[in-house]
Amino acid sequence: AINEDTSFAYLVGGSNGCNGGLHIVDISDALNPTQVGCFGDDGYTHDAHCVLYHGPDTAYVGREICFCSNEDTVTIVDVTDKTNPALVSRTSYEEKGYTHQGWLSTDHGYFVFGDETDELGRGHNTRTLLFDVSDLQNPTNFQEYFASTL
């Protein structure tokens, strides 16, 4: 994941170091990228969407926040201090399989994500989940959309 507003890349999906979590890389000099930190407190991160937050939770406006798909949770991390990123929240959901990827709404109030394996053996079609993240410390499962296919 790359945050073009801050010139930082957040490498995910790996197993080398940082407990499989976010590797924070300064890419302001593209010819000389530099790892400046990592966040592995919630284990393996499969995907992330990192933004300069301007959403409804005023406590975090102006901070750089990563919304992470972490296998069985949506994990929100404040990465403003690259050398000391901080867990904001870690939220699970019913009938989880494998939290795969997600995207933050333009108003930063919702996180839309997919679960790669939630339909397997659970008796329902594929689904897209929508979390209300207007309170970053307490996201809630707002809505689910079920597709017409398995």
N, C-alpha and C. Protein backbone atom coordinates (compact mmCIF):
# COMPACT_ATOMS: atom_id res chain seq x y z
N ALA A 1 0.86 -1.17 0.00
CA ALA A 1 0.00 0.00 0.00
C ALA A 1 0.90 1.23 0.00
N ILE A 2 0.57 2.20 -0.83
CA ILE A 2 1.35 3.44 -0.89
C ILE A 2 0.43 4.60 -0.55
N ASN A 3 0.90 5.45 0.36
CA ASN A 3 0.19 6.69 0.65
C ASN A 3 0.92 7.79 -0.11
N GLU A 4 0.37 8.21 -1.23
CA GLU A 4 1.01 9.22 -2.07
C GLU A 4 1.09 10.57 -1.36
N ASP A 5 0.21 10.82 -0.39
CA ASP A 5 0.23 12.09 0.33
C ASP A 5 1.43 12.22 1.25
N THR A 6 1.99 11.10 1.68
CA THR A 6 3.11 11.15 2.63
C THR A 6 4.40 10.55 2.09
N SER A 7 4.35 9.94 0.92
CA SER A 7 5.52 9.27 0.32
C SER A 7 6.04 8.12 1.18
N PHE A 8 5.10 7.38 1.75
CA PHE A 8 5.46 6.16 2.48
C PHE A 8 4.76 4.97 1.85
N ALA A 9 5.49 3.87 1.81
CA ALA A 9 4.93 2.60 1.36
C ALA A 9 4.77 1.71 2.58
N TYR A 10 3.72 0.92 2.57
CA TYR A 10 3.44 -0.02 3.66
C TYR A 10 3.42 -1.41 3.04
N LEU A 11 4.52 -2.12 3.23
CA LEU A 11 4.67 -3.44 2.62
C LEU A 11 3.95 -4.46 3.48
N VAL A 12 3.13 -5.28 2.85
CA VAL A 12 2.32 -6.28 3.54
C VAL A 12 2.40 -7.60 2.79
N GLY A 13 1.90 -8.65 3.42
CA GLY A 13 1.82 -9.94 2.75
C GLY A 13 3.10 -10.74 2.81
N GLY A 14 4.03 -10.32 3.63
CA GLY A 14 5.30 -11.03 3.71
C GLY A 14 5.47 -11.76 5.02
N SER A 15 6.53 -12.50 5.09
CA SER A 15 6.81 -13.26 6.32
C SER A 15 8.19 -12.97 6.87
N ASN A 16 8.91 -12.04 6.26
CA ASN A 16 10.26 -11.72 6.72
C ASN A 16 10.23 -10.57 7.72
N GLY A 17 10.26 -10.90 8.98
CA GLY A 17 10.33 -9.90 10.02
C GLY A 17 9.01 -9.24 10.36
N CYS A 18 9.03 -8.50 11.41
CA CYS A 18 7.89 -7.70 11.88
C CYS A 18 6.65 -8.56 12.11
N ASN A 19 6.85 -9.82 12.41
CA ASN A 19 5.74 -10.72 12.72
C ASN A 19 4.72 -10.81 11.58
N GLY A 20 5.17 -10.51 10.35
CA GLY A 20 4.28 -10.55 9.19
C GLY A 20 3.43 -9.31 9.02
N GLY A 21 3.70 -8.27 9.81
CA GLY A 21 2.89 -7.06 9.77
C GLY A 21 3.38 -6.02 8.80
N LEU A 22 2.97 -4.78 9.04
CA LEU A 22 3.32 -3.64 8.18
C LEU A 22 4.81 -3.33 8.27
N HIS A 23 5.46 -3.22 7.11
CA HIS A 23 6.82 -2.69 7.03
C HIS A 23 6.68 -1.28 6.47
N ILE A 24 7.18 -0.29 7.21
CA ILE A 24 7.01 1.11 6.83
C ILE A 24 8.27 1.58 6.12
N VAL A 25 8.11 2.02 4.86
CA VAL A 25 9.25 2.38 4.02
C VAL A 25 9.08 3.80 3.48
N ASP A 26 10.10 4.63 3.72
CA ASP A 26 10.13 5.99 3.17
C ASP A 26 10.54 5.89 1.71
N ILE A 27 9.65 6.32 0.81
CA ILE A 27 9.95 6.27 -0.62
C ILE A 27 10.04 7.67 -1.22
N SER A 28 10.33 8.68 -0.38
CA SER A 28 10.44 10.05 -0.89
C SER A 28 11.61 10.17 -1.87
N ASP A 29 12.64 9.36 -1.69
CA ASP A 29 13.73 9.23 -2.66
C ASP A 29 13.57 7.83 -3.26
N ALA A 30 12.90 7.77 -4.39
CA ALA A 30 12.54 6.47 -4.98
C ALA A 30 13.74 5.59 -5.29
N LEU A 31 14.88 6.18 -5.52
CA LEU A 31 16.08 5.39 -5.82
C LEU A 31 16.74 4.84 -4.55
N ASN A 32 16.33 5.37 -3.41
CA ASN A 32 16.92 4.94 -2.14
C ASN A 32 15.84 4.76 -1.07
N PRO A 33 14.94 3.81 -1.24
CA PRO A 33 13.90 3.59 -0.21
C PRO A 33 14.55 3.14 1.10
N THR A 34 13.95 3.58 2.20
CA THR A 34 14.51 3.28 3.52
C THR A 34 13.42 2.77 4.44
N GLN A 35 13.64 1.59 5.02
CA GLN A 35 12.68 1.11 6.02
C GLN A 35 12.89 1.91 7.30
N VAL A 36 11.80 2.47 7.81
CA VAL A 36 11.90 3.32 8.99
C VAL A 36 11.15 2.76 10.20
N GLY A 37 10.36 1.72 9.99
CA GLY A 37 9.62 1.15 11.11
C GLY A 37 8.79 -0.03 10.67
N CYS A 38 8.10 -0.60 11.64
CA CYS A 38 7.17 -1.69 11.33
C CYS A 38 6.16 -1.82 12.45
N PHE A 39 5.06 -2.49 12.13
CA PHE A 39 4.03 -2.78 13.13
C PHE A 39 3.62 -4.23 12.96
N GLY A 40 3.94 -5.05 13.94
CA GLY A 40 3.60 -6.46 13.88
C GLY A 40 2.82 -6.95 15.08
N ASP A 41 2.26 -6.01 15.85
CA ASP A 41 1.56 -6.39 17.09
C ASP A 41 0.32 -7.24 16.87
N ASP A 42 -0.24 -7.21 15.65
CA ASP A 42 -1.42 -8.03 15.37
C ASP A 42 -1.11 -9.11 14.34
N GLY A 43 0.15 -9.44 14.19
CA GLY A 43 0.53 -10.52 13.29
C GLY A 43 0.43 -10.15 11.83
N TYR A 44 0.16 -11.14 11.01
CA TYR A 44 0.20 -11.03 9.56
C TYR A 44 -0.84 -10.05 9.02
N THR A 45 -0.38 -9.15 8.18
CA THR A 45 -1.25 -8.20 7.48
C THR A 45 -1.29 -8.59 6.01
N HIS A 46 -2.49 -8.83 5.48
CA HIS A 46 -2.62 -9.23 4.09
C HIS A 46 -2.76 -8.05 3.14
N ASP A 47 -3.42 -6.98 3.61
CA ASP A 47 -3.63 -5.81 2.77
C ASP A 47 -3.82 -4.61 3.69
N ALA A 48 -3.62 -3.41 3.15
CA ALA A 48 -3.80 -2.19 3.94
C ALA A 48 -4.21 -1.04 3.04
N HIS A 49 -4.93 -0.11 3.63
CA HIS A 49 -5.26 1.17 2.98
C HIS A 49 -4.86 2.24 3.98
N CYS A 50 -3.85 3.04 3.62
CA CYS A 50 -3.29 4.04 4.52
C CYS A 50 -3.59 5.44 4.00
N VAL A 51 -4.06 6.30 4.88
CA VAL A 51 -4.52 7.64 4.49
C VAL A 51 -4.13 8.68 5.52
N LEU A 52 -4.10 9.95 5.08
CA LEU A 52 -4.12 11.05 6.03
C LEU A 52 -5.59 11.21 6.39
N TYR A 53 -5.91 10.92 7.62
CA TYR A 53 -7.29 10.79 8.05
C TYR A 53 -7.98 12.15 8.14
N HIS A 54 -9.18 12.25 7.55
CA HIS A 54 -10.00 13.47 7.63
C HIS A 54 -11.45 13.12 7.98
N GLY A 55 -11.63 11.97 8.58
CA GLY A 55 -12.97 11.47 8.84
C GLY A 55 -13.64 12.04 10.07
N PRO A 56 -14.71 11.39 10.45
CA PRO A 56 -15.56 11.92 11.52
C PRO A 56 -14.97 11.80 12.93
N ASP A 57 -13.98 10.94 13.14
CA ASP A 57 -13.40 10.79 14.48
C ASP A 57 -12.36 11.89 14.69
N THR A 58 -12.76 12.97 15.33
CA THR A 58 -11.91 14.16 15.45
C THR A 58 -10.60 13.91 16.19
N ALA A 59 -10.54 12.88 17.00
CA ALA A 59 -9.30 12.57 17.73
C ALA A 59 -8.17 12.17 16.79
N TYR A 60 -8.50 11.77 15.56
CA TYR A 60 -7.48 11.28 14.63
C TYR A 60 -7.34 12.11 13.36
N VAL A 61 -8.08 13.19 13.24
CA VAL A 61 -7.99 14.03 12.05
C VAL A 61 -6.56 14.56 11.90
N GLY A 62 -6.03 14.44 10.67
CA GLY A 62 -4.67 14.90 10.38
C GLY A 62 -3.59 13.88 10.65
N ARG A 63 -3.95 12.74 11.20
CA ARG A 63 -2.98 11.69 11.49
C ARG A 63 -2.97 10.68 10.34
N GLU A 64 -1.85 9.98 10.18
CA GLU A 64 -1.79 8.95 9.15
C GLU A 64 -2.25 7.63 9.76
N ILE A 65 -3.31 7.08 9.17
CA ILE A 65 -3.96 5.89 9.71
C ILE A 65 -3.97 4.79 8.65
N CYS A 66 -3.64 3.56 9.06
CA CYS A 66 -3.72 2.41 8.17
C CYS A 66 -4.87 1.51 8.60
N PHE A 67 -5.69 1.14 7.65
CA PHE A 67 -6.79 0.20 7.85
C PHE A 67 -6.32 -1.12 7.26
N CYS A 68 -6.11 -2.11 8.12
CA CYS A 68 -5.43 -3.34 7.72
C CYS A 68 -6.37 -4.54 7.73
N SER A 69 -6.20 -5.38 6.72
CA SER A 69 -6.89 -6.67 6.66
C SER A 69 -5.93 -7.70 7.23
N ASN A 70 -6.19 -8.13 8.44
CA ASN A 70 -5.25 -8.98 9.20
C ASN A 70 -5.81 -10.37 9.45
N GLU A 71 -5.98 -11.14 8.42
CA GLU A 71 -6.43 -12.53 8.49
C GLU A 71 -7.83 -12.67 9.06
N ASP A 72 -8.04 -12.37 10.34
CA ASP A 72 -9.34 -12.57 10.96
C ASP A 72 -9.88 -11.32 11.65
N THR A 73 -9.26 -10.18 11.37
CA THR A 73 -9.71 -8.91 11.95
C THR A 73 -9.50 -7.77 10.97
N VAL A 74 -10.19 -6.67 11.24
CA VAL A 74 -9.84 -5.38 10.66
C VAL A 74 -9.08 -4.66 11.76
N THR A 75 -7.84 -4.31 11.46
CA THR A 75 -6.96 -3.71 12.45
C THR A 75 -6.61 -2.29 12.00
N ILE A 76 -6.83 -1.33 12.88
CA ILE A 76 -6.57 0.07 12.57
C ILE A 76 -5.33 0.51 13.35
N VAL A 77 -4.37 1.10 12.62
CA VAL A 77 -3.08 1.46 13.21
C VAL A 77 -2.78 2.93 12.91
N ASP A 78 -2.36 3.66 13.93
CA ASP A 78 -1.89 5.03 13.76
C ASP A 78 -0.40 4.96 13.44
N VAL A 79 -0.03 5.32 12.22
CA VAL A 79 1.36 5.23 11.78
C VAL A 79 1.99 6.62 11.63
N THR A 80 1.42 7.61 12.30
CA THR A 80 1.95 8.97 12.23
C THR A 80 3.40 9.00 12.68
N ASP A 81 3.71 8.36 13.80
CA ASP A 81 5.09 8.19 14.27
C ASP A 81 5.60 6.88 13.68
N LYS A 82 6.37 6.98 12.62
CA LYS A 82 6.80 5.79 11.88
C LYS A 82 7.65 4.84 12.72
N THR A 83 8.36 5.36 13.70
CA THR A 83 9.21 4.50 14.54
C THR A 83 8.45 3.89 15.70
N ASN A 84 7.23 4.35 15.93
CA ASN A 84 6.44 3.84 17.04
C ASN A 84 4.95 3.81 16.68
N PRO A 85 4.56 3.04 15.65
CA PRO A 85 3.14 2.97 15.28
C PRO A 85 2.32 2.38 16.43
N ALA A 86 1.07 2.82 16.52
CA ALA A 86 0.23 2.43 17.66
C ALA A 86 -1.08 1.79 17.21
N LEU A 87 -1.43 0.69 17.86
CA LEU A 87 -2.71 0.04 17.61
C LEU A 87 -3.83 0.97 18.07
N VAL A 88 -4.79 1.21 17.18
CA VAL A 88 -5.98 1.99 17.52
C VAL A 88 -7.10 1.03 17.90
N SER A 89 -7.33 0.01 17.07
CA SER A 89 -8.35 -0.99 17.38
C SER A 89 -8.12 -2.24 16.54
N ARG A 90 -8.73 -3.30 17.02
CA ARG A 90 -8.67 -4.60 16.36
C ARG A 90 -10.07 -5.19 16.48
N THR A 91 -10.76 -5.39 15.34
CA THR A 91 -12.16 -5.78 15.38
C THR A 91 -12.41 -7.02 14.54
N SER A 92 -13.04 -8.00 15.15
CA SER A 92 -13.41 -9.23 14.45
C SER A 92 -14.86 -9.11 14.00
N TYR A 93 -15.39 -10.17 13.41
CA TYR A 93 -16.77 -10.17 12.92
C TYR A 93 -17.26 -11.60 12.84
N GLU A 94 -18.58 -11.76 12.76
CA GLU A 94 -19.20 -13.08 12.72
C GLU A 94 -18.82 -13.83 11.45
N GLU A 95 -18.71 -15.14 11.58
CA GLU A 95 -18.45 -16.05 10.47
C GLU A 95 -17.24 -15.61 9.63
N LYS A 96 -16.20 -15.22 10.33
CA LYS A 96 -15.00 -14.79 9.62
C LYS A 96 -14.29 -16.00 9.01
N GLY A 97 -13.66 -15.77 7.89
CA GLY A 97 -12.86 -16.79 7.23
C GLY A 97 -11.44 -16.29 7.09
N TYR A 98 -11.25 -15.29 6.21
CA TYR A 98 -9.93 -14.72 5.97
C TYR A 98 -10.12 -13.29 5.47
N THR A 99 -9.89 -12.34 6.35
CA THR A 99 -10.02 -10.93 6.00
C THR A 99 -8.98 -10.61 4.94
N HIS A 100 -9.43 -10.32 3.73
CA HIS A 100 -8.52 -10.30 2.58
C HIS A 100 -8.10 -8.90 2.13
N GLN A 101 -9.06 -8.02 1.86
CA GLN A 101 -8.73 -6.69 1.36
C GLN A 101 -9.87 -5.74 1.69
N GLY A 102 -9.54 -4.44 1.70
CA GLY A 102 -10.58 -3.47 1.98
C GLY A 102 -10.23 -2.09 1.48
N TRP A 103 -11.20 -1.19 1.57
CA TRP A 103 -11.02 0.18 1.11
C TRP A 103 -11.87 1.10 1.96
N LEU A 104 -11.31 2.24 2.28
CA LEU A 104 -11.98 3.24 3.09
C LEU A 104 -12.84 4.13 2.20
N SER A 105 -14.04 4.47 2.67
CA SER A 105 -14.90 5.38 1.91
C SER A 105 -14.27 6.77 1.83
N THR A 106 -14.69 7.56 0.86
CA THR A 106 -14.08 8.88 0.66
C THR A 106 -14.28 9.81 1.86
N ASP A 107 -15.36 9.62 2.62
CA ASP A 107 -15.57 10.44 3.81
C ASP A 107 -14.89 9.86 5.05
N HIS A 108 -14.22 8.73 4.88
CA HIS A 108 -13.49 8.01 5.94
C HIS A 108 -14.40 7.52 7.06
N GLY A 109 -15.67 7.39 6.78
CA GLY A 109 -16.61 6.92 7.79
C GLY A 109 -16.89 5.43 7.74
N TYR A 110 -16.53 4.77 6.61
CA TYR A 110 -16.82 3.35 6.44
C TYR A 110 -15.62 2.63 5.83
N PHE A 111 -15.45 1.38 6.23
CA PHE A 111 -14.43 0.52 5.65
C PHE A 111 -15.15 -0.66 5.02
N VAL A 112 -14.99 -0.81 3.71
CA VAL A 112 -15.63 -1.88 2.94
C VAL A 112 -14.57 -2.95 2.71
N PHE A 113 -14.90 -4.21 3.03
CA PHE A 113 -13.88 -5.24 2.88
C PHE A 113 -14.49 -6.58 2.50
N GLY A 114 -13.63 -7.42 1.98
CA GLY A 114 -14.04 -8.75 1.58
C GLY A 114 -13.34 -9.80 2.42
N ASP A 115 -14.02 -10.90 2.60
CA ASP A 115 -13.48 -12.06 3.30
C ASP A 115 -13.31 -13.15 2.25
N GLU A 116 -12.08 -13.60 2.09
CA GLU A 116 -11.76 -14.51 0.99
C GLU A 116 -12.40 -15.89 1.10
N THR A 117 -12.65 -16.36 2.31
CA THR A 117 -13.14 -17.74 2.46
C THR A 117 -14.38 -17.87 3.33
N ASP A 118 -15.06 -16.77 3.62
CA ASP A 118 -16.18 -16.84 4.56
C ASP A 118 -17.36 -17.66 4.07
N GLU A 119 -17.48 -17.87 2.76
CA GLU A 119 -18.62 -18.64 2.25
C GLU A 119 -18.39 -20.15 2.30
N LEU A 120 -17.16 -20.57 2.48
CA LEU A 120 -16.84 -22.00 2.46
C LEU A 120 -17.40 -22.69 3.70
N GLY A 121 -18.31 -23.61 3.49
CA GLY A 121 -18.86 -24.40 4.59
C GLY A 121 -19.76 -23.64 5.53
N ARG A 122 -20.19 -22.45 5.16
CA ARG A 122 -21.02 -21.65 6.06
C ARG A 122 -22.45 -21.48 5.56
N GLY A 123 -22.74 -22.00 4.37
CA GLY A 123 -24.11 -21.98 3.88
C GLY A 123 -24.60 -20.66 3.33
N HIS A 124 -23.69 -19.76 2.98
CA HIS A 124 -24.13 -18.51 2.35
C HIS A 124 -23.19 -18.15 1.20
N ASN A 125 -23.65 -17.26 0.34
CA ASN A 125 -22.87 -16.82 -0.80
C ASN A 125 -21.75 -15.88 -0.36
N THR A 126 -20.91 -15.50 -1.32
CA THR A 126 -19.85 -14.55 -1.01
C THR A 126 -20.47 -13.26 -0.50
N ARG A 127 -19.71 -12.55 0.32
CA ARG A 127 -20.26 -11.32 0.89
C ARG A 127 -19.20 -10.23 0.96
N THR A 128 -19.70 -9.02 0.97
CA THR A 128 -18.88 -7.84 1.22
C THR A 128 -19.39 -7.25 2.52
N LEU A 129 -18.46 -6.88 3.39
CA LEU A 129 -18.84 -6.33 4.69
C LEU A 129 -18.53 -4.85 4.74
N LEU A 130 -19.32 -4.14 5.52
CA LEU A 130 -19.16 -2.70 5.68
C LEU A 130 -19.11 -2.40 7.17
N PHE A 131 -17.97 -1.87 7.62
CA PHE A 131 -17.82 -1.46 9.01
C PHE A 131 -18.03 0.05 9.11
N ASP A 132 -18.74 0.47 10.13
CA ASP A 132 -18.83 1.88 10.48
C ASP A 132 -17.58 2.18 11.30
N VAL A 133 -16.70 3.02 10.76
CA VAL A 133 -15.46 3.36 11.47
C VAL A 133 -15.45 4.84 11.88
N SER A 134 -16.63 5.39 12.13
CA SER A 134 -16.71 6.78 12.56
C SER A 134 -16.09 6.98 13.94
N ASP A 135 -15.97 5.92 14.71
CA ASP A 135 -15.23 5.90 15.97
C ASP A 135 -14.12 4.86 15.77
N LEU A 136 -12.91 5.32 15.49
CA LEU A 136 -11.83 4.41 15.12
C LEU A 136 -11.49 3.40 16.21
N GLN A 137 -11.73 3.75 17.45
CA GLN A 137 -11.44 2.83 18.54
C GLN A 137 -12.53 1.78 18.73
N ASN A 138 -13.69 2.00 18.11
CA ASN A 138 -14.81 1.08 18.27
C ASN A 138 -15.57 0.88 16.97
N PRO A 139 -14.94 0.30 15.94
CA PRO A 139 -15.67 0.04 14.70
C PRO A 139 -16.81 -0.95 14.94
N THR A 140 -17.87 -0.81 14.15
CA THR A 140 -18.99 -1.73 14.28
C THR A 140 -19.36 -2.30 12.92
N ASN A 141 -19.87 -3.53 12.92
CA ASN A 141 -20.32 -4.17 11.70
C ASN A 141 -21.63 -3.49 11.31
N PHE A 142 -21.58 -2.70 10.26
CA PHE A 142 -22.71 -1.87 9.87
C PHE A 142 -23.66 -2.58 8.91
N GLN A 143 -23.10 -3.28 7.91
CA GLN A 143 -23.95 -3.89 6.90
C GLN A 143 -23.18 -4.99 6.17
N GLU A 144 -23.93 -5.95 5.63
CA GLU A 144 -23.34 -7.01 4.81
C GLU A 144 -24.11 -7.08 3.50
N TYR A 145 -23.38 -7.33 2.43
CA TYR A 145 -23.99 -7.53 1.12
C TYR A 145 -23.65 -8.94 0.66
N PHE A 146 -24.66 -9.72 0.34
CA PHE A 146 -24.45 -11.09 -0.13
C PHE A 146 -24.62 -11.12 -1.65
N ALA A 147 -23.63 -11.67 -2.35
CA ALA A 147 -23.68 -11.78 -3.81
C ALA A 147 -24.56 -12.94 -4.22
N SER A 148 -24.81 -13.05 -5.51
CA SER A 148 -25.66 -14.13 -6.01
C SER A 148 -24.88 -15.41 -6.29
N THR A 149 -23.58 -15.39 -6.05
CA THR A 149 -22.74 -16.56 -6.32
C THR A 149 -22.04 -17.04 -5.06
N LEU A 150 -21.61 -18.30 -5.10
CA LEU A 150 -20.82 -18.86 -4.00
C LEU A 150 -19.38 -18.47 -4.11
